[in-house]
Amino acid sequence: MRLVLDTNIVLDWLLFEDARLSELQRAWDEQRVELVTHMPALEELRRVLTYPQFKLAQSEQTALLECYESRVRIVSLPAGVTLENLGMPAGFPRCKDRDDDHFLALAYHHRADAVVSKDRAVLDLAKRARKFGVTVLGPQQLTAKLTDTSSRLIS
């Protein structure tokens, strides 16, 4: 299963070790998921890790970023696609927070099975994005899907 994780999900998974993402960790350990990202998402993560509320030393920021980079495949958007022109088809839903559109574009262009987010603005696009082949999942939905996939592998 190919997944795109938004920044908050990465933080919940790797920084806060949120129990709601334990199935993601298990799936990653068992190589049942492929995580894809691109440079704009990594730059966003790098920037967010410096926020004072996280109280992370530079070495901790670097370690978390390196941990994430070791778990993902870093891809590029197609030629001519930029953050200003995401190359999405006419009618593709845009997020209220335009800074999140690049996650949807990444999923669309790299045929990810899902974008995982807990951001209400992204989750609200799920039904409309599905019409364009992009699935948006919250953490609980991801867990259910990964658990279902795991049980089918065992049977």
C-alpha atoms as a PDB file:
ATOM      1  CA  MET A   1       0.000   0.000   0.000  1.00  0.00           C
ATOM      2  CA  ARG A   2       1.501   3.316  -1.090  1.00  0.00           C
ATOM      3  CA  LEU A   3       0.812   6.186   1.325  1.00  0.00           C
ATOM      4  CA  VAL A   4       1.383   9.931   1.524  1.00  0.00           C
ATOM      5  CA  LEU A   5       1.535  11.196   5.114  1.00  0.00           C
ATOM      6  CA  ASP A   6       0.879  14.822   5.898  1.00  0.00           C
ATOM      7  CA  THR A   7       3.181  16.584   8.347  1.00  0.00           C
ATOM      8  CA  ASN A   8       0.938  16.186  11.396  1.00  0.00           C
ATOM      9  CA  ILE A   9       0.710  12.438  10.838  1.00  0.00           C
ATOM     10  CA  VAL A  10       4.500  12.192  10.583  1.00  0.00           C
ATOM     11  CA  LEU A  11       4.813  14.100  13.856  1.00  0.00           C
ATOM     12  CA  ASP A  12       2.205  11.946  15.589  1.00  0.00           C
ATOM     13  CA  TRP A  13       3.911   8.788  14.351  1.00  0.00           C
ATOM     14  CA  LEU A  14       7.595   9.535  14.876  1.00  0.00           C
ATOM     15  CA  LEU A  15       7.736  12.349  17.429  1.00  0.00           C
ATOM     16  CA  PHE A  16       4.774  11.673  19.697  1.00  0.00           C
ATOM     17  CA  GLU A  17       4.564   7.909  19.022  1.00  0.00           C
ATOM     18  CA  ASP A  18       0.776   8.195  18.992  1.00  0.00           C
ATOM     19  CA  ALA A  19      -0.807   4.810  19.736  1.00  0.00           C
ATOM     20  CA  ARG A  20      -3.391   5.461  17.011  1.00  0.00           C
ATOM     21  CA  LEU A  21      -0.563   4.971  14.510  1.00  0.00           C
ATOM     22  CA  SER A  22       0.832   1.748  15.953  1.00  0.00           C
ATOM     23  CA  GLU A  23      -0.664  -0.197  13.052  1.00  0.00           C
ATOM     24  CA  LEU A  24       1.180   2.111  10.636  1.00  0.00           C
ATOM     25  CA  GLN A  25       4.410   1.291  12.464  1.00  0.00           C
ATOM     26  CA  ARG A  26       3.628  -2.422  12.302  1.00  0.00           C
ATOM     27  CA  ALA A  27       2.801  -2.221   8.591  1.00  0.00           C
ATOM     28  CA  TRP A  28       6.027  -0.318   7.935  1.00  0.00           C
ATOM     29  CA  ASP A  29       8.033  -2.871   9.961  1.00  0.00           C
ATOM     30  CA  GLU A  30       6.425  -5.679   7.938  1.00  0.00           C
ATOM     31  CA  GLN A  31       7.057  -3.829   4.659  1.00  0.00           C
ATOM     32  CA  ARG A  32       3.342  -3.724   3.846  1.00  0.00           C
ATOM     33  CA  VAL A  33       3.431   0.011   3.129  1.00  0.00           C
ATOM     34  CA  GLU A  34       5.492   2.224   0.911  1.00  0.00           C
ATOM     35  CA  LEU A  35       5.686   5.826   2.027  1.00  0.00           C
ATOM     36  CA  VAL A  36       6.236   8.488  -0.603  1.00  0.00           C
ATOM     37  CA  THR A  37       7.032  12.131  -0.142  1.00  0.00           C
ATOM     38  CA  HIS A  38       8.657  14.970  -2.005  1.00  0.00           C
ATOM     39  CA  MET A  39      10.921  17.886  -1.201  1.00  0.00           C
ATOM     40  CA  PRO A  40       8.130  20.405  -0.385  1.00  0.00           C
ATOM     41  CA  ALA A  41       6.795  18.007   2.275  1.00  0.00           C
ATOM     42  CA  LEU A  42      10.265  17.412   3.692  1.00  0.00           C
ATOM     43  CA  GLU A  43      10.924  21.148   3.808  1.00  0.00           C
ATOM     44  CA  GLU A  44       7.624  21.649   5.624  1.00  0.00           C
ATOM     45  CA  LEU A  45       8.543  18.958   8.149  1.00  0.00           C
ATOM     46  CA  ARG A  46      11.998  20.490   8.612  1.00  0.00           C
ATOM     47  CA  ARG A  47      10.416  23.901   9.274  1.00  0.00           C
ATOM     48  CA  VAL A  48       7.762  22.547  11.662  1.00  0.00           C
ATOM     49  CA  LEU A  49      10.340  20.667  13.725  1.00  0.00           C
ATOM     50  CA  THR A  50      11.898  24.029  14.640  1.00  0.00           C
ATOM     51  CA  TYR A  51       8.682  25.299  16.261  1.00  0.00           C
ATOM     52  CA  PRO A  52       9.357  26.250  19.891  1.00  0.00           C
ATOM     53  CA  GLN A  53       6.412  24.250  21.263  1.00  0.00           C
ATOM     54  CA  PHE A  54       8.215  21.011  20.335  1.00  0.00           C
ATOM     55  CA  LYS A  55      11.310  21.981  22.345  1.00  0.00           C
ATOM     56  CA  LEU A  56      13.552  19.914  20.097  1.00  0.00           C
ATOM     57  CA  ALA A  57      17.284  20.464  20.038  1.00  0.00           C
ATOM     58  CA  GLN A  58      18.868  20.743  16.600  1.00  0.00           C
ATOM     59  CA  SER A  59      20.257  17.217  16.983  1.00  0.00           C
ATOM     60  CA  GLU A  60      16.765  15.865  17.767  1.00  0.00           C
ATOM     61  CA  GLN A  61      15.298  17.652  14.749  1.00  0.00           C
ATOM     62  CA  THR A  62      18.003  16.212  12.527  1.00  0.00           C
ATOM     63  CA  ALA A  63      17.538  12.705  13.941  1.00  0.00           C
ATOM     64  CA  LEU A  64      13.769  12.750  13.405  1.00  0.00           C
ATOM     65  CA  LEU A  65      14.128  14.078   9.870  1.00  0.00           C
ATOM     66  CA  GLU A  66      16.760  11.446   9.063  1.00  0.00           C
ATOM     67  CA  CYS A  67      14.539   8.738  10.557  1.00  0.00           C
ATOM     68  CA  TYR A  68      11.661   9.807   8.351  1.00  0.00           C
ATOM     69  CA  GLU A  69      13.833  10.142   5.249  1.00  0.00           C
ATOM     70  CA  SER A  70      15.098   6.595   5.812  1.00  0.00           C
ATOM     71  CA  ARG A  71      11.508   5.314   5.721  1.00  0.00           C
ATOM     72  CA  VAL A  72      10.223   7.130   2.654  1.00  0.00           C
ATOM     73  CA  ARG A  73      10.830   7.144  -1.052  1.00  0.00           C
ATOM     74  CA  ILE A  74      11.475  10.724  -2.123  1.00  0.00           C
ATOM     75  CA  VAL A  75       9.908  11.431  -5.492  1.00  0.00           C
ATOM     76  CA  SER A  76       9.441  14.430  -7.736  1.00  0.00           C
ATOM     77  CA  LEU A  77       6.283  15.788  -9.234  1.00  0.00           C
ATOM     78  CA  PRO A  78       6.065  15.464 -13.028  1.00  0.00           C
ATOM     79  CA  ALA A  79       7.928  17.923 -15.228  1.00  0.00           C
ATOM     80  CA  GLY A  80       6.200  21.291 -15.339  1.00  0.00           C
ATOM     81  CA  VAL A  81       4.305  20.711 -12.089  1.00  0.00           C
ATOM     82  CA  THR A  82       5.095  23.272  -9.392  1.00  0.00           C
ATOM     83  CA  LEU A  83       3.596  24.273  -6.081  1.00  0.00           C
ATOM     84  CA  GLU A  84       1.813  27.080  -7.924  1.00  0.00           C
ATOM     85  CA  ASN A  85       0.608  24.808 -10.747  1.00  0.00           C
ATOM     86  CA  LEU A  86       0.010  21.357  -9.296  1.00  0.00           C
ATOM     87  CA  GLY A  87      -1.077  19.847 -12.607  1.00  0.00           C
ATOM     88  CA  MET A  88      -4.391  18.622 -11.277  1.00  0.00           C
ATOM     89  CA  PRO A  89      -7.341  17.893 -13.550  1.00  0.00           C
ATOM     90  CA  ALA A  90     -10.132  20.428 -13.914  1.00  0.00           C
ATOM     91  CA  GLY A  91     -12.545  20.154 -11.025  1.00  0.00           C
ATOM     92  CA  PHE A  92     -10.104  18.549  -8.618  1.00  0.00           C
ATOM     93  CA  PRO A  93     -11.000  19.863  -5.147  1.00  0.00           C
ATOM     94  CA  ARG A  94      -8.706  22.427  -3.592  1.00  0.00           C
ATOM     95  CA  CYS A  95      -8.041  22.523   0.121  1.00  0.00           C
ATOM     96  CA  LYS A  96      -9.058  25.561   2.175  1.00  0.00           C
ATOM     97  CA  ASP A  97      -5.459  25.616   3.366  1.00  0.00           C
ATOM     98  CA  ARG A  98      -3.578  25.774   0.058  1.00  0.00           C
ATOM     99  CA  ASP A  99      -0.426  24.613   1.849  1.00  0.00           C
ATOM    100  CA  ASP A 100      -1.960  21.122   2.005  1.00  0.00           C
ATOM    101  CA  ASP A 101      -2.708  20.842  -1.721  1.00  0.00           C
ATOM    102  CA  HIS A 102       0.764  19.499  -2.477  1.00  0.00           C
ATOM    103  CA  PHE A 103       0.024  16.333  -0.468  1.00  0.00           C
ATOM    104  CA  LEU A 104      -3.037  15.690  -2.627  1.00  0.00           C
ATOM    105  CA  ALA A 105      -1.051  16.403  -5.790  1.00  0.00           C
ATOM    106  CA  LEU A 106       1.666  14.015  -4.667  1.00  0.00           C
ATOM    107  CA  ALA A 107      -0.904  11.274  -4.100  1.00  0.00           C
ATOM    108  CA  TYR A 108      -2.576  11.965  -7.436  1.00  0.00           C
ATOM    109  CA  HIS A 109       0.589  12.054  -9.539  1.00  0.00           C
ATOM    110  CA  HIS A 110       2.202   9.034  -7.861  1.00  0.00           C
ATOM    111  CA  ARG A 111      -0.984   6.982  -7.625  1.00  0.00           C
ATOM    112  CA  ALA A 112      -0.815   6.589  -3.871  1.00  0.00           C
ATOM    113  CA  ASP A 113      -3.445   4.414  -2.273  1.00  0.00           C
ATOM    114  CA  ALA A 114      -4.167   7.156   0.254  1.00  0.00           C
ATOM    115  CA  VAL A 115      -3.244  10.490   1.757  1.00  0.00           C
ATOM    116  CA  VAL A 116      -3.290  10.193   5.541  1.00  0.00           C
ATOM    117  CA  SER A 117      -4.233  13.309   7.469  1.00  0.00           C
ATOM    118  CA  LYS A 118      -6.047  14.430  10.570  1.00  0.00           C
ATOM    119  CA  ASP A 119      -6.507  17.944   9.191  1.00  0.00           C
ATOM    120  CA  ARG A 120     -10.240  18.656   8.922  1.00  0.00           C
ATOM    121  CA  ALA A 121      -9.718  20.744   5.763  1.00  0.00           C
ATOM    122  CA  VAL A 122      -8.066  17.768   4.039  1.00  0.00           C
ATOM    123  CA  LEU A 123     -10.498  15.182   5.404  1.00  0.00           C
ATOM    124  CA  ASP A 124     -13.425  17.265   4.152  1.00  0.00           C
ATOM    125  CA  LEU A 125     -12.175  16.713   0.587  1.00  0.00           C
ATOM    126  CA  ALA A 126     -12.325  12.913   0.816  1.00  0.00           C
ATOM    127  CA  LYS A 127     -15.543  12.346  -1.098  1.00  0.00           C
ATOM    128  CA  ARG A 128     -14.712  14.795  -3.896  1.00  0.00           C
ATOM    129  CA  ALA A 129     -11.079  13.660  -4.186  1.00  0.00           C
ATOM    130  CA  ARG A 130     -12.167  10.025  -4.498  1.00  0.00           C
ATOM    131  CA  LYS A 131     -13.801  10.921  -7.841  1.00  0.00           C
ATOM    132  CA  PHE A 132     -10.273  11.606  -9.112  1.00  0.00           C
ATOM    133  CA  GLY A 133      -8.761   8.439  -7.667  1.00  0.00           C
ATOM    134  CA  VAL A 134      -7.359  10.028  -4.498  1.00  0.00           C
ATOM    135  CA  THR A 135      -8.351   8.465  -1.184  1.00  0.00           C
ATOM    136  CA  VAL A 136      -8.071  10.552   1.973  1.00  0.00           C
ATOM    137  CA  LEU A 137      -7.949   8.691   5.284  1.00  0.00           C
ATOM    138  CA  GLY A 138      -7.862   9.768   8.906  1.00  0.00           C
ATOM    139  CA  PRO A 139      -5.709   7.836  11.402  1.00  0.00           C
ATOM    140  CA  GLN A 140      -8.543   5.540  12.498  1.00  0.00           C
ATOM    141  CA  GLN A 141      -9.517   4.784   8.896  1.00  0.00           C
ATOM    142  CA  LEU A 142      -5.887   3.969   8.100  1.00  0.00           C
ATOM    143  CA  THR A 143      -5.684   1.625  11.069  1.00  0.00           C
ATOM    144  CA  ALA A 144      -8.850  -0.165   9.954  1.00  0.00           C
ATOM    145  CA  LYS A 145      -7.537  -0.533   6.398  1.00  0.00           C
ATOM    146  CA  LEU A 146      -4.118  -1.774   7.552  1.00  0.00           C
ATOM    147  CA  THR A 147      -5.679  -4.181  10.037  1.00  0.00           C
ATOM    148  CA  ASP A 148      -7.955  -5.546   7.319  1.00  0.00           C
ATOM    149  CA  THR A 149      -5.006  -5.932   4.945  1.00  0.00           C
ATOM    150  CA  SER A 150      -2.975  -7.676   7.648  1.00  0.00           C
ATOM    151  CA  SER A 151      -5.777 -10.117   8.482  1.00  0.00           C
ATOM    152  CA  ARG A 152      -6.170 -11.008   4.787  1.00  0.00           C
ATOM    153  CA  LEU A 153      -2.447 -11.779   4.590  1.00  0.00           C
ATOM    154  CA  ILE A 154      -2.706 -14.106   7.584  1.00  0.00           C
ATOM    155  CA  SER A 155      -5.751 -16.016   6.290  1.00  0.00           C
END
